[in-house]
Structures are given as C-alpha cells and as structure tokens.
Amino acid sequence: MRILFIHDNFPAQFGVLGVWLARQGWDVTFATSAEKAAAPGIRVLRYAPHRAPSPETHPYAQPMDKAAINGQGFARAALRAREAGYAPDIIVAHSGWGGGMFARDVFPKAAYVAYCEWWYRHPGADVAFLSRLTGEPVAGSVESPMLESARNAPIAMDLARADAVICPTRFQAEQFPDRLRALLTVQHDGIDTAYHAPDPADRRSTLDGLVAPDAPVVTYATRGMEPHRGFPQFMASLPAILARDPRLQVVIAGENRVAYGNQAKRAVDWKAKALADHDLDPARVRFVGRLDRPLYRRLLRRSDAHVYLTVPFVLSWSMLEAMSLACPLVLSDTAPVREFADASSARLVPFGDPAAIAEGVLETLAERPPAEARGARAREIITSTCSIATLWPEKARLFTELARAGG
C-alpha cells in the first residue's frame, strides 16, 4: 500500500505513524515544507511556496490566497514525482494550510483523507473563554466574523473532496457546523502507552541532581508559556504551593514562547511577567526548557503533582501522555480535558483560580494514596481509548479500505 502524508511540518501528527506503517511494509512518502525532515523508512517529498501572498489580495481572500500558493508548491513537487512514476494509493493531508488542496488533481485515482483540527468562528471557544475570564472585550472589529469565516475556505474545500475526514477529539469536532460534523470521524492520533508508562526507578530519580530524593516535585510541561495553557494562573498559584513545604520543587518544561492567540498575546513575555509579579525562589522554581523525549518522560515519572491547564481549545498530547504515565494530575475543569479525564482520574480545578489550583496541588501532594489511585485510573483510560496499539491498526484498516474502494 502506497501512502502519501502531506503536512507543512514534520513529524507533526503523521511522522511516527508513517514510521510504523513503513515497518509494516507500507510504501510511505511524507510531503512537507520542513527542511530537516527525515525518518526511517520514509521517503520525503519537499515543497515550498514560490512566493508570498500578495498584500493586494482582498483581506477576506487572503487565507485562500496563502493556501492556494502553498498548494501550488505541493502540486509542482508532486507532478515531478508523478512524472518519475510515483502514484499513491491513499493521501492523508492536514487541512487548512493548503498543502493537500490540489492533491486529488495530481493523483485522481488515490483515496483522500482530510485531517481537520479546527473550524474558525468569531469569537472562537478559546477567545470567548479568555474574554469571560479576564473581563476584557473580545478584540476585533465589525469585520472580524468575516475574517474568521474566511479562514475556513481551504478546510471547506478539503471537506468537499475527501473520502474520509479525521478529527482527533470530540471537542474539536464540536466546533464544526452540524452539517459538516456528520462528515467527521473522531479518532485520536494515538499515544504510545508502552513508552509512556510509569517506572518505579524513575520515581526515585533526582533528575540528575536537580531535585533532592525526598523532595515533592510539582511539574508543568507544555510547548509554550502562554494564556491558552494557563501559564499565568499556574505561576500565580506557586507562592501558596511553595509556602507549604520548604523541600518542594517546581520544574517547568517548555519554551518561553506563545503558540496560540492574537498578536497582543504574542507580544507579551509571560515568563518575565510572571517572575516580575510573583516573588519566587529560583532555586525552587526551575525552568528546564524544551526536553528531549527520554528526559521529558523521566520528569513526568518523577512528578508528584503534574499540572495541565487549557482553555477550550485543541488538547495537548502532553496531558494524555501524563495520564499514560499515571501521573497524579491537577487539570483544568474545561471541556477538552473532561473528554478524557474526570474526578476518578484527576483533581479538576477552575482554570482561572490560582488559589484553587494551589489547593488542588497541595491536596494531591498530601493525600498520596488517592492521588496515586487517580493516576492509575488515568492510565487505564488512556490505554483503553488512545493507545497506538489499537488506534494505528485501526487507521491502517481504514486507509486500506478507502484505497481499495477508490481503486
């Protein structure tokens, strides 16, 4: 079976699945604009837009303009591959940025699967939530609804042409209009629950001397330090947490960056702001930056209370990985979290209440048997719903059935 993945980034949602398929004997190609893309068993097809979108394009049409130029970049690379004899049986493309927009035109005999993450609205669920939390009005103008709607044009084109549409979570699928939601198959990307498993040896780790063997360790780990992931609220909770036990250590993994939100949110250094607003001992609040996978796993295995917070938005893999690792969890009581966790598997706390977050962490640290029981339940949930051992064979069957039906 010849499969072609299309995604501007690499490995993104498809890379590790592609490696697994290659090991099963599939012929795997990954089309991407990422310059350093490489993985065992995967052929890489690089594409790039030949020019930037024109500033003269009507604002409502700019998302489509950008996607079309990106799609043209893929199409040119794909046509060269077709001329050299390449023809996939099935194409799986990330929808929204245009990479797969013309894939069916280049390879009309291939089945086509669109991977859709979000349907844009004004205000979106995330923006409306933050507005209610802060009391600040939603930024924008009378044209904002039109501008947001226009971002859906490339996604709608993919939905119209796809043989199947995958959306990773029910919450994300609920953002789509009813008539389009019926087209979606909700199926997560999958968590490697064998790799992300608890280990008693790592539970005793000092993290290379970063923490004492008997120190209670509170962890926080997301891609960036930003309002969408509750970083300001987490930092505001730390003075109360640190005051309870002088041995306690807080370890924060991730980059000082903003991945989500408008330009005003992206312009703020949230780490610097938090450190200026709160008197935190740098010997007890450690920023360890972006960790490679083994160090990240070791950190979460050592955690006595792992905090994950999010507004109603795309759920981070990191929360599900922490569940798989049986971490004692303190999670925001928000819709995407509740899809996977409840009171039996985590301590759920109000997103916008630092005092409640601190209380949840301190309770988790103080009441170890119940916290560990919740961690064990969290792992049960993820192994039964999101394990790659189940999901990846299901995806392979779906792709095979679609390809055969299309052929």
Protein backbone atom coordinates (compact mmCIF):
# COMPACT_ATOMS: atom_id res chain seq x y z
CA MET A 1 0.00 0.00 0.00
CA ARG A 2 1.44 3.36 -1.05
CA ILE A 3 0.52 6.19 1.30
CA LEU A 4 1.32 9.88 0.97
CA PHE A 5 1.14 12.16 4.01
CA ILE A 6 1.04 15.94 3.49
CA HIS A 7 1.84 18.38 6.28
CA ASP A 8 3.81 21.63 6.28
CA ASN A 9 5.60 20.48 9.45
CA PHE A 10 7.42 17.27 10.33
CA PRO A 11 6.88 14.87 12.05
CA ALA A 12 3.67 16.60 13.20
CA GLN A 13 0.71 14.24 13.58
CA PHE A 14 1.78 11.82 10.85
CA GLY A 15 5.50 11.14 11.24
CA VAL A 16 5.55 8.40 13.87
CA LEU A 17 2.51 6.73 12.30
CA GLY A 18 4.36 6.80 8.99
CA VAL A 19 7.40 5.09 10.51
CA TRP A 20 5.13 2.39 11.97
CA LEU A 21 3.39 1.84 8.62
CA ALA A 22 6.77 1.57 6.90
CA ARG A 23 7.72 -1.15 9.39
CA GLN A 24 4.51 -2.98 8.43
CA GLY A 25 5.66 -2.98 4.81
CA TRP A 26 3.85 0.09 3.51
CA ASP A 27 5.48 2.41 0.99
CA VAL A 28 5.44 5.73 2.86
CA THR A 29 6.07 9.22 1.47
CA PHE A 30 5.84 12.41 3.53
CA ALA A 31 5.38 15.68 1.65
CA THR A 32 6.42 18.65 3.75
CA SER A 33 7.98 22.09 3.65
CA ALA A 34 10.11 21.27 6.71
CA GLU A 35 13.77 21.42 5.67
CA LYS A 36 15.19 18.79 8.02
CA ALA A 37 12.51 16.14 7.67
CA ALA A 38 13.87 12.59 7.89
CA ALA A 39 12.72 9.33 9.45
CA PRO A 40 13.48 5.63 8.96
CA GLY A 41 11.58 4.09 6.09
CA ILE A 42 10.00 7.35 4.92
CA ARG A 43 10.62 8.99 1.57
CA VAL A 44 10.49 12.79 1.86
CA LEU A 45 8.96 14.99 -0.85
CA ARG A 46 9.70 18.64 -0.17
CA TYR A 47 7.58 21.51 -1.37
CA ALA A 48 7.55 25.24 -0.78
CA PRO A 49 5.50 28.23 -1.95
CA HIS A 50 7.23 30.04 -4.79
CA ARG A 51 6.18 33.46 -3.47
CA ALA A 52 4.49 35.14 -0.54
CA PRO A 53 0.79 36.02 -0.74
CA SER A 54 0.09 39.38 -2.32
CA PRO A 55 -0.70 42.26 0.06
CA GLU A 56 -3.13 43.46 -2.62
CA THR A 57 -5.38 40.43 -2.14
CA HIS A 58 -8.71 41.24 -0.52
CA PRO A 59 -8.41 40.58 3.26
CA TYR A 60 -11.27 38.06 3.20
CA ALA A 61 -9.49 36.12 0.44
CA GLN A 62 -6.02 36.15 1.97
CA PRO A 63 -6.32 32.78 3.77
CA MET A 64 -7.32 31.16 0.49
CA ASP A 65 -4.58 33.01 -1.38
CA LYS A 66 -1.95 31.76 1.05
CA ALA A 67 -3.31 28.20 0.99
CA ALA A 68 -3.51 28.15 -2.81
CA ILE A 69 0.12 29.24 -3.17
CA ASN A 70 1.14 26.58 -0.67
CA GLY A 71 -0.96 24.00 -2.51
CA GLN A 72 0.65 25.02 -5.79
CA GLY A 73 4.05 24.39 -4.20
CA PHE A 74 2.98 20.86 -3.32
CA ALA A 75 1.39 20.31 -6.72
CA ARG A 76 4.59 21.26 -8.56
CA ALA A 77 6.66 18.86 -6.44
CA ALA A 78 4.01 16.15 -6.76
CA LEU A 79 3.82 16.49 -10.54
CA ARG A 80 7.56 15.91 -10.75
CA ALA A 81 7.14 12.82 -8.58
CA ARG A 82 4.26 11.62 -10.79
CA GLU A 83 6.35 12.07 -13.92
CA ALA A 84 9.02 9.93 -12.26
CA GLY A 85 6.44 7.17 -11.78
CA TYR A 86 5.11 7.80 -8.29
CA ALA A 87 1.41 7.19 -7.63
CA PRO A 88 -0.02 6.81 -4.10
CA ASP A 89 -2.99 4.62 -3.25
CA ILE A 90 -4.09 6.93 -0.45
CA ILE A 91 -3.32 10.51 0.60
CA VAL A 92 -3.68 11.85 4.14
CA ALA A 93 -3.35 15.63 4.37
CA HIS A 94 -3.51 18.19 7.16
CA SER A 95 -6.30 20.58 6.27
CA GLY A 96 -6.20 24.35 6.48
CA TRP A 97 -2.80 25.41 5.19
CA GLY A 98 -3.39 24.26 1.62
CA GLY A 99 -0.73 21.59 1.26
CA GLY A 100 -3.25 18.96 0.16
CA MET A 101 -5.59 21.31 -1.68
CA PHE A 102 -4.70 20.03 -5.15
CA ALA A 103 -3.56 16.51 -4.23
CA ARG A 104 -6.62 14.94 -5.84
CA ASP A 105 -5.96 16.84 -9.04
CA VAL A 106 -2.42 15.46 -9.26
CA PHE A 107 -3.35 11.94 -8.12
CA PRO A 108 -7.05 11.49 -9.08
CA LYS A 109 -7.06 7.72 -8.50
CA ALA A 110 -5.90 7.96 -4.89
CA ALA A 111 -8.30 7.99 -1.97
CA TYR A 112 -8.11 11.21 0.01
CA VAL A 113 -8.33 11.68 3.79
CA ALA A 114 -8.51 15.17 5.26
CA TYR A 115 -7.21 15.68 8.80
CA CYS A 116 -9.16 18.60 10.28
CA GLU A 117 -8.31 20.20 13.62
CA TRP A 118 -10.47 23.33 13.96
CA TRP A 119 -13.33 25.31 12.47
CA TYR A 120 -12.88 29.05 12.93
CA ARG A 121 -15.56 31.25 14.45
CA HIS A 122 -15.72 34.74 15.94
CA PRO A 123 -15.28 34.59 18.77
CA GLY A 124 -13.84 31.10 18.98
CA ALA A 125 -14.44 28.97 22.06
CA ASP A 126 -10.95 29.78 23.32
CA VAL A 127 -11.22 33.54 22.77
CA ALA A 128 -14.69 33.78 24.31
CA PHE A 129 -13.50 31.84 27.37
CA LEU A 130 -10.50 34.13 27.92
CA SER A 131 -12.71 37.20 27.46
CA ARG A 132 -15.11 35.98 30.17
CA LEU A 133 -12.16 35.14 32.42
CA THR A 134 -10.40 38.49 32.15
CA GLY A 135 -13.41 40.73 31.62
CA GLU A 136 -11.70 42.19 28.57
CA PRO A 137 -13.83 42.58 25.44
CA VAL A 138 -13.11 40.31 22.52
CA ALA A 139 -10.62 42.08 20.28
CA GLY A 140 -11.65 42.79 16.74
CA SER A 141 -13.91 44.87 14.56
CA VAL A 142 -17.19 44.50 12.72
CA GLU A 143 -15.24 42.65 10.04
CA SER A 144 -13.79 40.05 12.42
CA PRO A 145 -16.57 37.48 11.82
CA MET A 146 -15.94 37.67 8.08
CA LEU A 147 -12.18 37.41 8.50
CA GLU A 148 -12.53 34.35 10.73
CA SER A 149 -15.05 32.71 8.41
CA ALA A 150 -12.65 33.21 5.50
CA ARG A 151 -10.06 31.06 7.28
CA ASN A 152 -12.37 28.08 6.77
CA ALA A 153 -12.34 28.26 2.97
CA PRO A 154 -9.38 25.86 2.46
CA ILE A 155 -10.83 23.48 5.06
CA ALA A 156 -14.24 23.51 3.39
CA MET A 157 -12.62 22.67 0.05
CA ASP A 158 -10.93 19.64 1.61
CA LEU A 159 -14.16 18.53 3.29
CA ALA A 160 -15.96 18.67 -0.04
CA ARG A 161 -13.42 16.44 -1.78
CA ALA A 162 -12.39 13.99 0.93
CA ASP A 163 -13.32 10.30 1.03
CA ALA A 164 -12.98 10.48 4.81
CA VAL A 165 -12.31 13.20 7.37
CA ILE A 166 -10.49 12.57 10.66
CA CYS A 167 -10.74 14.90 13.65
CA PRO A 168 -8.69 13.93 16.73
CA THR A 169 -11.14 14.75 19.55
CA ARG A 170 -14.87 15.10 20.09
CA PHE A 171 -14.43 18.63 21.43
CA GLN A 172 -12.65 19.71 18.25
CA ALA A 173 -15.33 18.07 16.12
CA GLU A 174 -18.00 20.01 18.02
CA GLN A 175 -16.56 23.28 16.68
CA PHE A 176 -17.72 22.37 13.16
CA PRO A 177 -21.20 23.24 11.87
CA ASP A 178 -23.72 20.42 12.32
CA ARG A 179 -23.96 19.55 8.65
CA LEU A 180 -20.18 19.23 8.40
CA ARG A 181 -19.76 17.47 11.73
CA ALA A 182 -21.59 14.50 10.26
CA LEU A 183 -18.67 14.02 7.87
CA LEU A 184 -16.08 13.69 10.64
CA THR A 185 -14.67 10.53 12.15
CA VAL A 186 -13.37 11.30 15.64
CA GLN A 187 -10.15 9.38 16.11
CA HIS A 188 -7.17 10.46 18.15
CA ASP A 189 -3.63 10.38 16.76
CA GLY A 190 -2.64 7.85 19.42
CA ILE A 191 -0.40 7.73 22.49
CA ASP A 192 2.50 5.31 22.82
CA THR A 193 1.33 3.87 26.13
CA ALA A 194 4.12 1.29 26.21
CA TYR A 195 6.74 4.04 26.11
CA HIS A 196 4.79 6.46 28.30
CA ALA A 197 4.49 4.07 31.21
CA PRO A 198 5.33 4.52 34.90
CA ASP A 199 8.65 3.20 36.22
CA PRO A 200 9.42 2.87 39.95
CA ALA A 201 13.12 3.51 39.30
CA ASP A 202 12.40 6.89 37.75
CA ARG A 203 10.02 7.70 40.62
CA ARG A 204 13.15 7.86 42.80
CA SER A 205 15.18 9.95 40.35
CA THR A 206 16.87 13.18 41.39
CA LEU A 207 16.68 14.36 37.75
CA ASP A 208 20.48 14.47 37.57
CA GLY A 209 20.71 16.27 40.90
CA LEU A 210 18.09 18.88 40.12
CA VAL A 211 15.85 17.77 42.99
CA ALA A 212 16.52 16.01 46.28
CA PRO A 213 15.46 12.35 46.60
CA ASP A 214 12.77 13.24 49.17
CA ALA A 215 11.59 16.48 47.53
CA PRO A 216 7.94 16.70 46.50
CA VAL A 217 8.04 17.65 42.81
CA VAL A 218 5.37 19.68 41.02
CA THR A 219 5.64 19.72 37.21
CA TYR A 220 4.24 21.77 34.35
CA ALA A 221 5.09 20.97 30.72
CA THR A 222 3.60 22.44 27.58
CA ARG A 223 5.03 23.71 24.32
CA GLY A 224 4.89 27.38 25.34
CA MET A 225 4.29 29.64 28.32
CA GLU A 226 1.04 31.33 27.41
CA PRO A 227 -2.52 32.20 28.45
CA HIS A 228 -4.08 29.42 26.34
CA ARG A 229 -2.33 26.86 28.55
CA GLY A 230 -2.94 28.64 31.86
CA PHE A 231 0.68 29.61 32.45
CA PRO A 232 -0.17 32.91 34.23
CA GLN A 233 -2.60 31.11 36.54
CA PHE A 234 -0.14 28.33 37.27
CA MET A 235 2.60 30.79 38.16
CA ALA A 236 0.19 32.75 40.37
CA SER A 237 -0.56 29.52 42.27
CA LEU A 238 3.09 28.85 43.14
CA PRO A 239 3.60 31.16 46.16
CA ALA A 240 0.92 29.28 48.12
CA ILE A 241 2.26 25.91 46.97
CA LEU A 242 5.87 26.70 47.84
CA ALA A 243 4.95 28.10 51.26
CA ARG A 244 3.55 24.76 52.42
CA ASP A 245 6.76 22.69 52.25
CA PRO A 246 10.34 24.05 52.09
CA ARG A 247 11.51 20.85 50.36
CA LEU A 248 9.09 21.24 47.47
CA GLN A 249 10.48 21.82 43.97
CA VAL A 250 8.67 23.07 40.86
CA VAL A 251 10.03 22.03 37.46
CA ILE A 252 8.69 23.76 34.34
CA ALA A 253 9.45 22.33 30.91
CA GLY A 254 8.81 24.12 27.64
CA GLU A 255 9.91 27.14 25.67
CA ASN A 256 9.34 30.78 26.52
CA ARG A 257 7.06 31.36 23.56
CA VAL A 258 3.42 31.89 22.64
CA ALA A 259 1.99 29.40 20.16
CA TYR A 260 -1.65 30.50 20.26
CA GLY A 261 -3.63 33.71 20.48
CA ASN A 262 -3.71 37.12 18.85
CA GLN A 263 -0.79 39.47 18.31
CA ALA A 264 -1.38 41.23 21.63
CA LYS A 265 -0.97 37.91 23.47
CA ARG A 266 2.11 37.02 21.42
CA ALA A 267 3.77 40.34 22.20
CA VAL A 268 3.92 39.62 25.94
CA ASP A 269 6.79 37.76 27.60
CA TRP A 270 4.58 35.79 30.00
CA LYS A 271 7.51 34.19 31.79
CA ALA A 272 9.13 37.55 32.53
CA LYS A 273 5.78 38.98 33.59
CA ALA A 274 5.11 36.11 35.99
CA LEU A 275 8.56 36.34 37.54
CA ALA A 276 8.09 40.09 37.99
CA ASP A 277 4.62 39.66 39.52
CA HIS A 278 5.46 36.86 41.95
CA ASP A 279 8.33 36.51 44.40
CA LEU A 280 9.55 33.01 43.51
CA ASP A 281 12.77 31.39 44.70
CA PRO A 282 14.78 30.46 41.55
CA ALA A 283 16.37 27.62 43.50
CA ARG A 284 12.93 26.05 43.87
CA VAL A 285 11.23 27.02 40.60
CA ARG A 286 13.32 25.56 37.80
CA PHE A 287 12.87 26.23 34.10
CA VAL A 288 14.44 23.37 32.17
CA GLY A 289 13.50 24.40 28.62
CA ARG A 290 12.39 22.04 25.90
CA LEU A 291 13.30 18.46 26.79
CA ASP A 292 14.01 15.54 24.50
CA ARG A 293 11.59 12.65 24.80
CA PRO A 294 13.55 10.49 27.32
CA LEU A 295 14.15 13.43 29.68
CA TYR A 296 10.55 14.56 29.37
CA ARG A 297 9.36 11.06 30.26
CA ARG A 298 11.72 10.89 33.23
CA LEU A 299 10.48 14.25 34.50
CA LEU A 300 6.84 13.17 34.41
CA ARG A 301 7.63 9.83 36.01
CA ARG A 302 9.22 11.73 38.90
CA SER A 303 6.27 14.12 39.27
CA ASP A 304 4.23 14.07 42.47
CA ALA A 305 1.68 16.51 41.04
CA HIS A 306 1.55 17.36 37.34
CA VAL A 307 -0.45 20.44 36.37
CA TYR A 308 -2.05 20.84 32.95
CA LEU A 309 -4.38 23.75 32.20
CA THR A 310 -6.07 24.74 28.98
CA VAL A 311 -8.81 26.99 27.70
CA PRO A 312 -11.43 25.29 25.46
CA PHE A 313 -9.08 24.59 22.57
CA VAL A 314 -7.04 21.83 20.95
CA LEU A 315 -5.91 19.46 23.71
CA SER A 316 -2.16 18.92 24.12
CA TRP A 317 -0.74 15.43 23.68
CA SER A 318 1.22 16.17 26.85
CA MET A 319 -1.89 15.77 29.02
CA LEU A 320 -2.67 12.36 27.56
CA GLU A 321 0.97 11.32 27.88
CA ALA A 322 0.91 12.37 31.54
CA MET A 323 -2.23 10.28 32.00
CA SER A 324 -0.49 7.33 30.35
CA LEU A 325 2.42 7.78 32.77
CA ALA A 326 -0.03 7.55 35.70
CA CYS A 327 0.94 11.00 36.96
CA PRO A 328 -1.03 12.39 39.90
CA LEU A 329 -2.85 15.06 37.91
CA VAL A 330 -4.23 18.53 38.57
CA LEU A 331 -6.19 19.56 35.46
CA SER A 332 -8.36 22.47 34.40
CA ASP A 333 -12.07 21.73 34.54
CA THR A 334 -12.60 22.63 30.88
CA ALA A 335 -14.39 20.80 28.06
CA PRO A 336 -11.42 19.32 26.17
CA VAL A 337 -9.97 17.99 29.45
CA ARG A 338 -13.28 16.46 30.55
CA GLU A 339 -13.44 14.45 27.33
CA PHE A 340 -10.65 12.26 28.72
CA ALA A 341 -10.45 12.88 32.48
CA ASP A 342 -12.88 13.10 35.38
CA ALA A 343 -12.79 13.09 39.17
CA SER A 344 -11.77 9.43 39.19
CA SER A 345 -8.57 10.14 37.26
CA ALA A 346 -7.55 13.70 38.18
CA ARG A 347 -8.12 16.61 40.51
CA LEU A 348 -10.15 19.02 38.37
CA VAL A 349 -9.80 22.72 39.24
CA PRO A 350 -11.17 26.00 37.85
CA PHE A 351 -8.86 27.27 35.12
CA GLY A 352 -8.87 30.89 36.25
CA ASP A 353 -8.48 30.41 40.01
CA PRO A 354 -4.84 30.26 41.21
CA ALA A 355 -5.97 29.62 44.80
CA ALA A 356 -7.99 26.60 43.68
CA ILE A 357 -5.08 25.35 41.56
CA ALA A 358 -2.81 25.63 44.61
CA GLU A 359 -5.37 23.81 46.75
CA GLY A 360 -5.59 21.02 44.16
CA VAL A 361 -1.83 20.62 44.04
CA LEU A 362 -1.44 20.64 47.83
CA GLU A 363 -4.23 18.11 48.26
CA THR A 364 -2.63 15.88 45.65
CA LEU A 365 0.71 16.06 47.45
CA ALA A 366 -0.79 15.47 50.89
CA GLU A 367 -3.14 12.62 50.05
CA ARG A 368 -0.82 10.26 48.25
CA PRO A 369 -2.87 7.03 48.07
CA PRO A 370 -5.94 8.70 46.49
CA ALA A 371 -3.70 10.70 44.13
CA GLU A 372 -1.86 7.56 43.05
CA ALA A 373 -5.15 5.73 42.58
CA ARG A 374 -6.34 8.56 40.31
CA GLY A 375 -3.07 8.29 38.36
CA ALA A 376 -3.57 4.56 37.89
CA ARG A 377 -7.12 5.21 36.67
CA ALA A 378 -5.82 7.86 34.25
CA ARG A 379 -3.50 5.31 32.72
CA GLU A 380 -6.35 2.82 32.37
CA ILE A 381 -8.40 5.41 30.48
CA ILE A 382 -5.64 6.23 28.01
CA THR A 383 -4.58 2.64 27.39
CA SER A 384 -8.21 1.73 26.65
CA THR A 385 -9.01 4.73 24.42
CA CYS A 386 -5.86 6.23 22.90
CA SER A 387 -3.18 3.54 22.69
CA ILE A 388 -1.35 3.31 19.39
CA ALA A 389 -1.50 -0.47 19.81
CA THR A 390 -5.21 -0.18 18.97
CA LEU A 391 -5.52 3.07 17.02
CA TRP A 392 -2.74 2.59 14.50
CA PRO A 393 -4.02 -0.79 13.23
CA GLU A 394 -7.49 0.81 13.04
CA LYS A 395 -6.06 3.64 10.95
CA ALA A 396 -4.25 1.17 8.70
CA ARG A 397 -7.50 -0.74 8.14
CA LEU A 398 -9.38 2.47 7.35
CA PHE A 399 -6.72 3.61 4.89
CA THR A 400 -6.65 0.20 3.22
CA GLU A 401 -10.43 0.04 2.86
CA LEU A 402 -10.59 3.54 1.40
CA ALA A 403 -7.78 2.85 -1.03
CA ARG A 404 -9.40 -0.35 -2.26
CA ALA A 405 -12.77 1.34 -2.62
CA GLY A 406 -11.18 4.22 -4.52
CA GLY A 407 -9.27 1.91 -6.81
